[in-house]
């Protein structure tokens, strides 16, 4: 059996992950059943099991594909020697550009219940670990004030992730990238040595 579908050369497996994301955002992770995902792709429920052993594996792979895509440029970014302010501004712009181009996938990752963390494994915390390492390195070099790295992640994510949430709720207009500089300025103030 071919794993190619009619959606621009993507594989049926990719189509299933995309449907899981779409339906997961619309109906919630628990509400997106194998049956509805299969129907969305136009295949039988049994055909789904040729690609995934169960719904958890499908959810895990859909989640991992989004996180890996979101983290790709950020991994490169944290390996550079850019000043903290420049790197943070770039991180936020990358985050918001991804959201603007892939709002369903971004929302899917944000909506993933914490109870799934154990089943998702290391990919669940990948971006947090990347940013934590960047924070620690920045603190050690004296570029930013010293605070508990986990508190730093909480402060950062609270500032950054509220823009996509507010756009999703219709409170502020899209695109998210329009808010990148204002949020970056706020993040930089939070971590400034004189804060």
Protein backbone atom coordinates (compact mmCIF):
# COMPACT_ATOMS: atom_id res chain seq x y z
CA UNK A 1 0.00 0.00 0.00
CA UNK A 2 1.27 3.46 -0.85
CA UNK A 3 1.66 5.99 1.93
CA UNK A 4 1.20 8.88 -0.49
CA UNK A 5 -2.02 10.83 -0.41
CA UNK A 6 -3.58 13.37 -2.72
CA UNK A 7 -2.70 16.40 -0.61
CA UNK A 8 0.28 17.85 -2.44
CA UNK A 9 2.50 14.79 -2.12
CA UNK A 10 2.30 14.54 1.65
CA UNK A 11 2.09 11.08 3.11
CA UNK A 12 -1.06 9.66 4.65
CA UNK A 13 0.85 9.64 7.94
CA UNK A 14 1.45 13.40 7.61
CA UNK A 15 -2.22 13.93 6.73
CA UNK A 16 -3.23 11.99 9.85
CA UNK A 17 -0.97 14.13 12.03
CA UNK A 18 -2.38 17.31 10.44
CA UNK A 19 -5.94 16.08 11.02
CA UNK A 20 -5.13 15.18 14.64
CA UNK A 21 -3.84 18.73 15.13
CA UNK A 22 -6.86 20.36 13.46
CA UNK A 23 -9.40 18.24 15.31
CA UNK A 24 -7.43 18.40 18.57
CA UNK A 25 -7.67 22.20 18.49
CA UNK A 26 -11.33 22.14 17.50
CA UNK A 27 -12.58 19.31 19.72
CA UNK A 28 -9.85 18.95 22.33
CA UNK A 29 -7.26 16.20 22.50
CA UNK A 30 -9.73 13.76 24.03
CA UNK A 31 -12.50 14.73 21.60
CA UNK A 32 -10.48 13.94 18.49
CA UNK A 33 -11.10 10.22 18.11
CA UNK A 34 -9.40 7.85 15.68
CA UNK A 35 -12.73 7.60 13.87
CA UNK A 36 -13.07 11.38 13.36
CA UNK A 37 -9.39 11.72 12.40
CA UNK A 38 -9.75 8.91 9.83
CA UNK A 39 -12.93 10.49 8.45
CA UNK A 40 -11.15 13.87 8.18
CA UNK A 41 -8.39 12.28 6.07
CA UNK A 42 -10.81 10.17 4.02
CA UNK A 43 -9.57 6.74 5.07
CA UNK A 44 -11.02 3.95 7.15
CA UNK A 45 -10.43 3.73 10.87
CA UNK A 46 -8.55 0.46 10.31
CA UNK A 47 -6.21 2.18 7.85
CA UNK A 48 -5.05 4.54 10.60
CA UNK A 49 -3.56 1.55 12.41
CA UNK A 50 -1.27 0.86 9.44
CA UNK A 51 0.50 4.09 10.40
CA UNK A 52 0.07 4.36 14.19
CA UNK A 53 -0.37 1.66 16.81
CA UNK A 54 -2.87 3.77 18.77
CA UNK A 55 -4.18 7.29 19.31
CA UNK A 56 -1.47 8.11 21.85
CA UNK A 57 1.23 7.40 19.27
CA UNK A 58 -0.55 9.62 16.73
CA UNK A 59 -0.88 12.44 19.27
CA UNK A 60 2.76 12.04 20.30
CA UNK A 61 4.04 12.15 16.73
CA UNK A 62 1.82 15.12 15.80
CA UNK A 63 3.03 17.00 18.86
CA UNK A 64 6.68 16.09 18.24
CA UNK A 65 6.53 17.21 14.61
CA UNK A 66 5.26 20.66 15.64
CA UNK A 67 7.77 21.07 18.47
CA UNK A 68 10.69 19.95 16.31
CA UNK A 69 9.71 22.45 13.64
CA UNK A 70 9.27 25.25 16.19
CA UNK A 71 12.60 24.44 17.87
CA UNK A 72 14.77 24.05 14.76
CA UNK A 73 15.77 27.72 14.35
CA UNK A 74 15.82 28.27 18.11
CA UNK A 75 18.41 25.52 18.54
CA UNK A 76 20.66 27.38 16.12
CA UNK A 77 19.91 30.67 17.84
CA UNK A 78 20.95 29.52 21.33
CA UNK A 79 24.26 28.22 19.99
CA UNK A 80 25.25 31.68 18.75
CA UNK A 81 27.10 34.30 20.73
CA UNK A 82 24.49 36.97 20.11
CA UNK A 83 23.86 39.43 22.94
CA UNK A 84 20.96 38.43 25.19
CA UNK A 85 18.72 41.24 23.91
CA UNK A 86 19.26 40.32 20.26
CA UNK A 87 18.75 36.59 20.85
CA UNK A 88 15.58 37.12 22.91
CA UNK A 89 14.13 39.43 20.29
CA UNK A 90 14.89 36.84 17.57
CA UNK A 91 13.41 33.99 19.69
CA UNK A 92 10.17 35.91 20.16
CA UNK A 93 9.95 36.83 16.47
CA UNK A 94 10.50 33.19 15.49
CA UNK A 95 7.79 32.14 17.94
CA UNK A 96 5.28 34.65 16.64
CA UNK A 97 6.10 34.01 12.98
CA UNK A 98 5.46 30.31 13.58
CA UNK A 99 2.16 31.13 15.26
CA UNK A 100 1.10 33.48 12.46
CA UNK A 101 1.90 30.85 9.82
CA UNK A 102 0.64 27.81 11.78
CA UNK A 103 -1.96 28.92 14.34
CA UNK A 104 -3.58 25.49 14.64
CA UNK A 105 -0.28 23.68 15.19
CA UNK A 106 0.88 26.31 17.69
CA UNK A 107 -2.43 26.12 19.55
CA UNK A 108 -2.30 22.31 19.53
CA UNK A 109 1.03 22.40 21.38
CA UNK A 110 -0.28 25.02 23.83
CA UNK A 111 -3.46 23.05 24.50
CA UNK A 112 -1.69 19.77 25.13
CA UNK A 113 -2.71 18.67 28.62
CA UNK A 114 0.09 18.37 31.15
CA UNK A 115 -1.10 14.84 31.90
CA UNK A 116 0.29 13.94 28.46
CA UNK A 117 3.79 15.11 29.42
CA UNK A 118 4.91 11.70 30.60
CA UNK A 119 3.73 10.01 27.41
CA UNK A 120 5.26 12.70 25.21
CA UNK A 121 8.70 12.33 26.73
CA UNK A 122 11.56 14.76 26.22
CA UNK A 123 9.95 16.55 23.29
CA UNK A 124 7.37 17.98 25.73
CA UNK A 125 10.04 20.11 27.40
CA UNK A 126 12.37 20.65 24.44
CA UNK A 127 11.84 24.39 23.97
CA UNK A 128 11.85 24.98 27.73
CA UNK A 129 15.18 23.16 28.05
CA UNK A 130 16.61 25.20 25.18
CA UNK A 131 15.53 28.48 26.73
CA UNK A 132 16.70 27.37 30.19
CA UNK A 133 20.20 26.63 28.85
CA UNK A 134 20.22 30.02 27.15
CA UNK A 135 19.16 31.74 30.40
CA UNK A 136 21.77 29.96 32.48
CA UNK A 137 24.50 30.82 29.98
CA UNK A 138 23.36 34.46 29.94
CA UNK A 139 23.36 34.59 33.76
CA UNK A 140 26.80 33.00 33.98
CA UNK A 141 28.21 35.55 31.53
CA UNK A 142 26.68 38.42 33.52
CA UNK A 143 24.45 39.49 30.61
CA UNK A 144 21.33 39.25 32.79
CA UNK A 145 20.55 39.21 36.49
CA UNK A 146 20.74 35.93 38.36
CA UNK A 147 17.37 34.38 39.17
CA UNK A 148 16.07 30.86 39.48
CA UNK A 149 16.06 29.53 35.87
CA UNK A 150 12.64 27.93 36.31
CA UNK A 151 11.21 31.25 37.47
CA UNK A 152 12.87 32.86 34.45
CA UNK A 153 11.16 30.38 32.13
CA UNK A 154 7.81 31.07 33.81
CA UNK A 155 8.25 34.83 33.42
CA UNK A 156 9.32 34.48 29.80
CA UNK A 157 6.56 32.10 28.76
CA UNK A 158 3.94 34.14 30.61
CA UNK A 159 4.85 37.22 28.61
CA UNK A 160 5.38 35.52 25.26
CA UNK A 161 2.55 32.99 25.14
CA UNK A 162 -0.19 35.37 26.15
CA UNK A 163 -0.14 37.11 22.77
CA UNK A 164 -1.20 33.98 20.81
CA UNK A 165 -3.77 33.23 23.52
CA UNK A 166 -5.21 36.74 23.30
CA UNK A 167 -5.32 36.54 19.49
CA UNK A 168 -7.10 33.17 19.71
CA UNK A 169 -9.64 34.71 22.10
CA UNK A 170 -10.18 37.71 19.81
CA UNK A 171 -8.94 40.18 22.43
CA UNK A 172 -6.11 41.57 20.30
CA UNK A 173 -5.80 41.54 16.51
CA UNK A 174 -3.36 39.37 14.56
CA UNK A 175 -0.60 39.09 13.45
CA UNK A 176 1.37 38.16 16.54
CA UNK A 177 4.63 39.34 15.01
CA UNK A 178 3.35 42.91 15.37
CA UNK A 179 3.75 42.50 19.15
CA UNK A 180 7.24 40.97 19.04
CA UNK A 181 9.20 44.14 19.78
CA UNK A 182 6.93 45.24 22.66
CA UNK A 183 7.06 41.80 24.27
CA UNK A 184 10.83 41.57 23.70
CA UNK A 185 11.25 44.96 25.41
CA UNK A 186 9.25 43.68 28.39
CA UNK A 187 11.26 40.45 28.58
CA UNK A 188 14.54 42.36 28.40
CA UNK A 189 13.39 44.62 31.27
CA UNK A 190 12.46 41.58 33.39
CA UNK A 191 15.93 40.09 33.01
CA UNK A 192 17.96 43.31 33.07
CA UNK A 193 20.78 43.47 35.60
CA UNK A 194 19.26 46.56 37.15
CA UNK A 195 15.77 45.04 37.57
